[in-house]
Amino acid sequence: MAKTQTFGDKSKKVKDTSLNVKVIKGYRTDKGTTKYVTRFVKVADVAQVDKIDISK
């Protein structure tokens, strides 16, 4: 039985051009301590990093 997909077919797939960015946001608790929220977010361009909003 022959393979239906060759290695050449696999390499022609469209690559995702978006970037994975780790966003770290610090916030103060009611006690006055600082806690951090971290998220991985996909962005299309590096200029969009300033516009990312994550919440607790």
Protein backbone atom coordinates (compact mmCIF):
# COMPACT_ATOMS: atom_id res chain seq x y z
CA MET A 1 0.00 0.00 0.00
CA ALA A 2 1.49 3.33 -1.07
CA LYS A 3 1.64 6.51 0.96
CA THR A 4 -0.82 9.19 -0.07
CA GLN A 5 1.30 12.09 1.17
CA THR A 6 4.98 12.59 0.48
CA PHE A 7 7.53 14.58 2.43
CA GLY A 8 7.43 17.30 -0.25
CA ASP A 9 3.70 17.74 0.30
CA LYS A 10 4.20 18.22 4.03
CA SER A 11 6.81 20.95 3.59
CA LYS A 12 4.54 23.11 1.39
CA LYS A 13 2.11 23.89 4.21
CA VAL A 14 1.46 27.55 4.95
CA LYS A 15 3.42 28.75 7.93
CA ASP A 16 1.79 30.89 10.60
CA THR A 17 3.34 34.38 10.53
CA SER A 18 2.01 35.49 13.91
CA LEU A 19 4.33 35.81 16.89
CA ASN A 20 3.88 34.28 20.34
CA VAL A 21 4.52 36.89 23.02
CA LYS A 22 4.63 36.36 26.77
CA VAL A 23 2.81 39.22 28.50
CA ILE A 24 3.42 39.83 32.20
CA LYS A 25 1.11 42.22 34.03
CA GLY A 26 1.64 43.28 37.64
CA TYR A 27 -1.15 44.42 39.93
CA ARG A 28 -1.56 45.34 43.60
CA THR A 29 -3.75 43.28 45.89
CA ASP A 30 -5.88 44.65 48.72
CA LYS A 31 -3.10 43.77 51.16
CA GLY A 32 -0.62 45.92 49.22
CA THR A 33 1.44 43.08 47.77
CA THR A 34 2.25 42.80 44.09
CA LYS A 35 1.07 39.80 42.08
CA TYR A 36 1.72 38.98 38.45
CA VAL A 37 -0.44 37.49 35.68
CA THR A 38 1.38 35.88 32.75
CA ARG A 39 -0.18 34.92 29.43
CA PHE A 40 1.06 33.81 26.05
CA VAL A 41 -0.66 35.84 23.33
CA LYS A 42 -0.41 35.61 19.53
CA VAL A 43 0.10 38.93 17.74
CA ALA A 44 0.43 39.61 14.06
CA ASP A 45 3.01 42.39 14.47
CA VAL A 46 5.42 43.53 17.18
CA ALA A 47 3.80 46.99 17.15
CA GLN A 48 0.60 45.47 18.59
CA VAL A 49 2.31 44.48 21.84
CA ASP A 50 1.48 47.84 23.46
CA LYS A 51 -2.24 47.33 22.71
CA ILE A 52 -2.57 43.96 24.48
CA ASP A 53 -4.87 43.99 27.50
CA ILE A 54 -5.02 41.02 29.87
CA SER A 55 -7.01 40.96 33.07
CA LYS A 56 -6.76 38.93 36.27
